[in-house]
Protein backbone atom coordinates (compact mmCIF):
# COMPACT_ATOMS: atom_id res chain seq x y z
CA MET A 1 14.50 -9.49 37.74
CA GLY A 2 13.45 -7.27 34.88
CA ARG A 3 12.66 -3.61 34.31
CA ILE A 4 9.27 -2.44 33.07
CA HIS A 5 8.51 1.09 31.95
CA SER A 6 4.72 0.89 32.26
CA ILE A 7 1.69 -1.36 31.87
CA GLU A 8 -1.46 -0.95 29.73
CA THR A 9 -4.40 -3.13 30.71
CA LEU A 10 -6.61 -2.25 27.74
CA GLY A 11 -4.36 -2.49 24.69
CA LEU A 12 -6.35 -2.49 21.46
CA VAL A 13 -3.63 -2.27 18.77
CA ASP A 14 -1.03 -4.57 20.28
CA GLY A 15 -2.18 -7.92 18.92
CA PRO A 16 -5.50 -9.75 18.58
CA GLY A 17 -8.27 -8.92 21.01
CA ILE A 18 -7.80 -6.88 24.17
CA ARG A 19 -4.23 -7.06 25.46
CA PHE A 20 -2.39 -6.68 28.74
CA VAL A 21 0.67 -4.80 27.48
CA ALA A 22 3.95 -4.69 29.41
CA PHE A 23 6.27 -1.99 28.07
CA PHE A 24 9.83 -3.15 28.75
CA GLN A 25 12.48 -0.60 29.66
CA GLY A 26 15.50 -0.19 27.40
CA CYS A 27 16.17 0.17 23.68
CA SER A 28 19.41 0.22 21.66
CA LEU A 29 17.85 1.99 18.68
CA ARG A 30 17.37 5.74 18.46
CA CYS A 31 14.67 5.91 15.82
CA ALA A 32 14.12 9.43 14.52
CA TYR A 33 10.36 9.11 15.00
CA CYS A 34 10.36 7.27 18.35
CA HIS A 35 7.50 8.52 20.54
CA ASN A 36 8.78 6.82 23.73
CA PRO A 37 12.30 8.19 24.40
CA ASP A 38 11.59 7.69 28.10
CA THR A 39 11.96 3.93 27.50
CA TRP A 40 15.52 4.12 26.12
CA ASP A 41 17.53 3.89 29.35
CA ILE A 42 17.51 0.25 30.49
CA ASN A 43 18.56 1.26 34.02
CA LYS A 44 15.32 3.13 34.65
CA GLY A 45 11.78 1.88 35.05
CA MET A 46 10.20 -0.40 37.66
CA GLU A 47 12.18 -3.43 38.81
CA ILE A 48 10.00 -6.53 38.95
CA THR A 49 10.18 -10.33 38.84
CA ALA A 50 8.53 -12.41 36.13
CA GLU A 51 6.24 -13.92 38.76
CA GLU A 52 5.14 -10.48 39.97
CA LEU A 53 4.42 -9.34 36.42
CA LEU A 54 2.43 -12.51 35.77
CA LYS A 55 0.29 -11.84 38.84
CA LYS A 56 -0.57 -8.42 37.46
CA ALA A 57 -1.56 -9.96 34.11
CA ILE A 58 -3.66 -12.72 35.64
CA ARG A 59 -5.85 -10.12 37.36
CA TYR A 60 -7.18 -9.26 33.89
CA LYS A 61 -7.09 -12.76 32.38
CA ALA A 62 -10.85 -13.40 32.43
CA TYR A 63 -11.40 -9.98 30.88
CA PHE A 64 -8.92 -10.09 27.97
CA GLN A 65 -9.54 -13.76 27.16
CA ARG A 66 -13.22 -13.03 26.47
CA SER A 67 -11.98 -11.09 23.44
CA SER A 68 -9.47 -13.79 22.42
CA GLY A 69 -6.77 -11.45 23.64
CA GLY A 70 -3.72 -12.02 25.80
CA VAL A 71 -0.41 -10.51 26.87
CA THR A 72 1.91 -8.43 24.69
CA CYS A 73 5.51 -7.58 25.61
CA SER A 74 6.41 -4.26 24.02
CA GLY A 75 8.83 -1.46 24.75
CA GLY A 76 11.29 -0.04 24.47
CA GLU A 77 12.67 -3.31 23.18
CA PRO A 78 11.70 -6.48 25.09
CA LEU A 79 14.49 -8.46 23.43
CA LEU A 80 17.09 -6.53 25.46
CA GLN A 81 15.98 -8.47 28.55
CA PRO A 82 15.97 -12.01 27.07
CA GLU A 83 16.11 -14.06 30.29
CA PHE A 84 13.37 -12.06 31.98
CA LEU A 85 11.27 -12.03 28.80
CA THR A 86 11.60 -15.79 28.29
CA GLU A 87 10.63 -16.55 31.89
CA PHE A 88 7.61 -14.25 31.76
CA LEU A 89 6.43 -15.75 28.46
CA ARG A 90 6.91 -19.26 29.84
CA LEU A 91 4.79 -18.46 32.88
CA CYS A 92 2.10 -16.98 30.65
CA LYS A 93 1.95 -20.12 28.52
CA GLU A 94 1.77 -22.29 31.66
CA ASN A 95 -1.31 -20.29 32.60
CA GLY A 96 -3.00 -20.60 29.21
CA ILE A 97 -2.39 -17.03 28.10
CA HIS A 98 -1.83 -16.03 24.45
CA THR A 99 1.56 -14.30 24.11
CA ALA A 100 2.91 -11.71 21.68
CA ILE A 101 6.07 -9.64 21.46
CA ASP A 102 6.08 -6.24 19.75
CA THR A 103 9.65 -5.70 18.60
CA ALA A 104 12.05 -4.06 16.19
CA GLY A 105 14.07 -7.30 16.19
CA PHE A 106 17.10 -5.68 17.78
CA GLY A 107 18.11 -7.59 20.89
CA LYS A 108 20.91 -9.82 22.07
CA GLY A 109 21.97 -12.74 19.90
CA SER A 110 19.96 -15.96 20.25
CA TYR A 111 16.18 -15.85 20.21
CA HIS A 112 15.14 -19.50 19.98
CA SER A 113 14.12 -19.83 23.64
CA ILE A 114 11.93 -16.73 23.30
CA PHE A 115 10.10 -18.06 20.23
CA LYS A 116 9.37 -21.28 22.11
CA TYR A 117 6.86 -19.43 24.28
CA THR A 118 5.68 -16.81 21.76
CA ASP A 119 2.41 -17.19 19.83
CA LEU A 120 2.78 -14.02 17.76
CA VAL A 121 5.60 -11.66 16.77
CA ILE A 122 4.67 -8.11 15.78
CA LEU A 123 7.74 -6.94 13.87
CA ASP A 124 8.46 -3.33 12.98
CA ILE A 125 10.72 -3.26 9.91
CA LYS A 126 12.49 0.09 9.99
CA HIS A 127 14.01 0.41 6.51
CA ILE A 128 14.79 -1.40 3.27
CA ASN A 129 18.60 -1.15 3.32
CA SER A 130 21.59 -0.70 5.62
CA ALA A 131 22.20 2.96 4.82
CA GLY A 132 18.60 3.94 5.43
CA TYR A 133 18.43 1.80 8.57
CA ARG A 134 21.47 3.50 10.08
CA GLU A 135 20.22 6.96 9.15
CA LEU A 136 16.83 6.28 10.73
CA THR A 137 17.86 4.30 13.84
CA GLY A 138 21.51 5.14 14.46
CA ARG A 139 22.51 1.45 14.34
CA ASP A 140 23.69 -1.14 11.82
CA MET A 141 21.17 -3.58 10.36
CA GLY A 142 23.09 -6.75 11.24
CA GLU A 143 21.27 -7.61 14.47
CA PHE A 144 17.89 -7.16 12.81
CA GLU A 145 18.95 -9.56 10.05
CA ASN A 146 20.07 -12.07 12.68
CA PHE A 147 16.67 -11.83 14.37
CA ALA A 148 14.84 -12.14 11.06
CA GLY A 149 16.76 -15.32 10.23
CA CYS A 150 15.89 -16.87 13.60
CA LEU A 151 12.27 -15.80 13.20
CA LYS A 152 11.93 -17.46 9.81
CA LYS A 153 13.24 -20.74 11.23
CA SER A 154 10.87 -20.61 14.21
CA GLY A 155 7.63 -20.74 12.25
CA THR A 156 6.04 -18.24 14.66
CA LYS A 157 2.96 -16.36 13.42
CA LEU A 158 3.79 -12.85 12.34
CA TRP A 159 2.39 -9.36 11.91
CA LEU A 160 4.59 -6.96 9.94
CA ARG A 161 4.58 -3.19 10.39
CA HIS A 162 6.33 -0.25 8.79
CA VAL A 163 6.20 3.42 9.74
CA VAL A 164 5.60 5.76 6.80
CA VAL A 165 7.35 9.12 7.26
CA PRO A 166 6.90 12.03 4.82
CA GLY A 167 10.00 12.52 2.70
CA ILE A 168 11.77 9.49 4.16
CA THR A 169 9.77 6.27 3.72
CA ASP A 170 6.74 7.44 1.75
CA SER A 171 7.87 7.01 -1.86
CA GLU A 172 6.25 4.38 -4.07
CA GLU A 173 9.69 2.96 -4.85
CA HIS A 174 10.39 2.54 -1.15
CA ILE A 175 7.06 0.84 -0.49
CA ARG A 176 7.56 -1.58 -3.39
CA SER A 177 11.00 -2.49 -2.02
CA MET A 178 9.54 -2.92 1.48
CA LYS A 179 6.87 -5.20 0.05
CA LYS A 180 9.56 -7.46 -1.44
CA ILE A 181 11.26 -7.70 1.97
CA MET A 182 7.99 -8.52 3.72
CA MET A 183 7.09 -11.21 1.19
CA ARG A 184 10.21 -13.16 2.19
CA PHE A 185 8.64 -13.98 5.56
CA ASP A 186 6.36 -16.96 6.09
CA ASN A 187 3.35 -17.20 8.44
CA VAL A 188 2.43 -13.54 7.88
CA GLU A 189 -1.12 -12.90 9.08
CA LYS A 190 -1.20 -9.14 8.69
CA ILE A 191 0.75 -6.23 7.19
CA GLU A 192 0.23 -2.70 8.49
CA LEU A 193 1.49 0.69 7.36
CA LEU A 194 1.70 3.03 10.35
CA PRO A 195 1.43 6.75 9.53
CA TYR A 196 4.04 8.89 11.24
CA HIS A 197 2.67 11.16 13.97
CA THR A 198 4.10 13.80 16.29
CA LEU A 199 2.37 12.83 19.55
CA GLY A 200 5.65 12.17 21.37
CA VAL A 201 7.41 15.45 20.55
CA ASN A 202 6.55 16.97 23.93
CA LYS A 203 8.52 14.18 25.66
CA TYR A 204 11.70 15.25 23.84
CA GLU A 205 11.15 18.83 24.95
CA ALA A 206 10.61 17.75 28.56
CA MET A 207 13.73 15.53 28.51
CA GLY A 208 15.91 18.09 26.74
CA ILE A 209 16.55 15.80 23.75
CA PRO A 210 16.73 17.29 20.22
CA TYR A 211 13.93 15.91 18.02
CA LYS A 212 15.43 14.73 14.74
CA LEU A 213 12.27 15.16 12.67
CA LYS A 214 11.40 18.64 13.85
CA GLY A 215 9.24 20.31 11.21
CA VAL A 216 8.17 17.05 9.53
CA PRO A 217 4.35 17.01 9.42
CA PRO A 218 2.22 13.97 10.33
CA MET A 219 1.74 11.53 7.47
CA CYS A 220 -1.19 12.36 5.20
CA LYS A 221 -3.97 9.79 5.60
CA ASP A 222 -4.93 9.92 1.92
CA ARG A 223 -1.32 9.33 0.87
CA THR A 224 -1.07 6.44 3.30
CA LYS A 225 -4.13 4.84 1.68
CA GLU A 226 -2.49 5.16 -1.73
CA LEU A 227 0.62 3.39 -0.44
CA GLU A 228 -1.55 0.72 1.21
CA ASN A 229 -2.97 -0.04 -2.24
CA ILE A 230 0.55 -0.60 -3.56
CA MET A 231 1.52 -2.77 -0.61
CA GLY A 232 -1.76 -4.68 -0.77
CA ARG A 233 -1.31 -5.95 -4.32
CA GLY A 234 -0.21 -9.51 -3.75
CA ASP A 235 -0.94 -12.57 -1.66
CA ARG A 236 -0.58 -10.97 1.77
CA HIS A 237 -3.47 -9.47 3.74
CA LEU A 238 -2.82 -5.78 4.40
CA VAL A 239 -4.87 -4.12 7.12
CA PRO A 240 -4.82 -0.29 7.27
CA TYR A 241 -3.49 0.92 10.61
CA CYS A 242 -6.08 2.83 12.61
CA PRO A 243 -4.60 4.38 15.79
CA VAL A 244 -7.02 4.61 18.69
CA CYS A 245 -5.75 8.09 19.50
């Protein structure tokens, strides 16, 4: 059994093509800019088996496969439910479905069985160093580094993402350091800079949770383009992030 927060049947920014996106319940990080605090508690959400979730995905298989799409496991953090995630991915592969996981790389220990059934990892790299990582997420960087090491060994195709927040991760020095980190990964198909937005602030108000970045404005699009130019100088293909909303 696993716990799912919600399902999106027309995901357009969650991997190649149109995606069936399963948002897993639970996350150990408390990112200052998180826009889904309702996914944090792993004991909430809808309880479901991997087989039941697969049946929901298969309903849309003919539709998303016409666009060379597939299934994406997002969150929350899908890696916090490794057995359920692995079984669901395995069932997807048995049914000829392209699989992706959208993750911060902060789960539980060993990830090799997960990579076995994963076609694409979409990895959100939070910060360039341990101090900044803890300040931004509330956790140490060790588990992310463990995941990154396993990912490099797996040879899985990779998209890399980084959220650009005014006054926190938007300096040219920071972006150059982030670029060096990203260049250490192999099999990178795409690099995206995601501009910080405030669309989830109302959820914090409704849940009675203090919002850590209160007063920080959305990231300037022109400034993001300037930073994309810095990140794009090199042998990796950087694609500007364009949110549907």
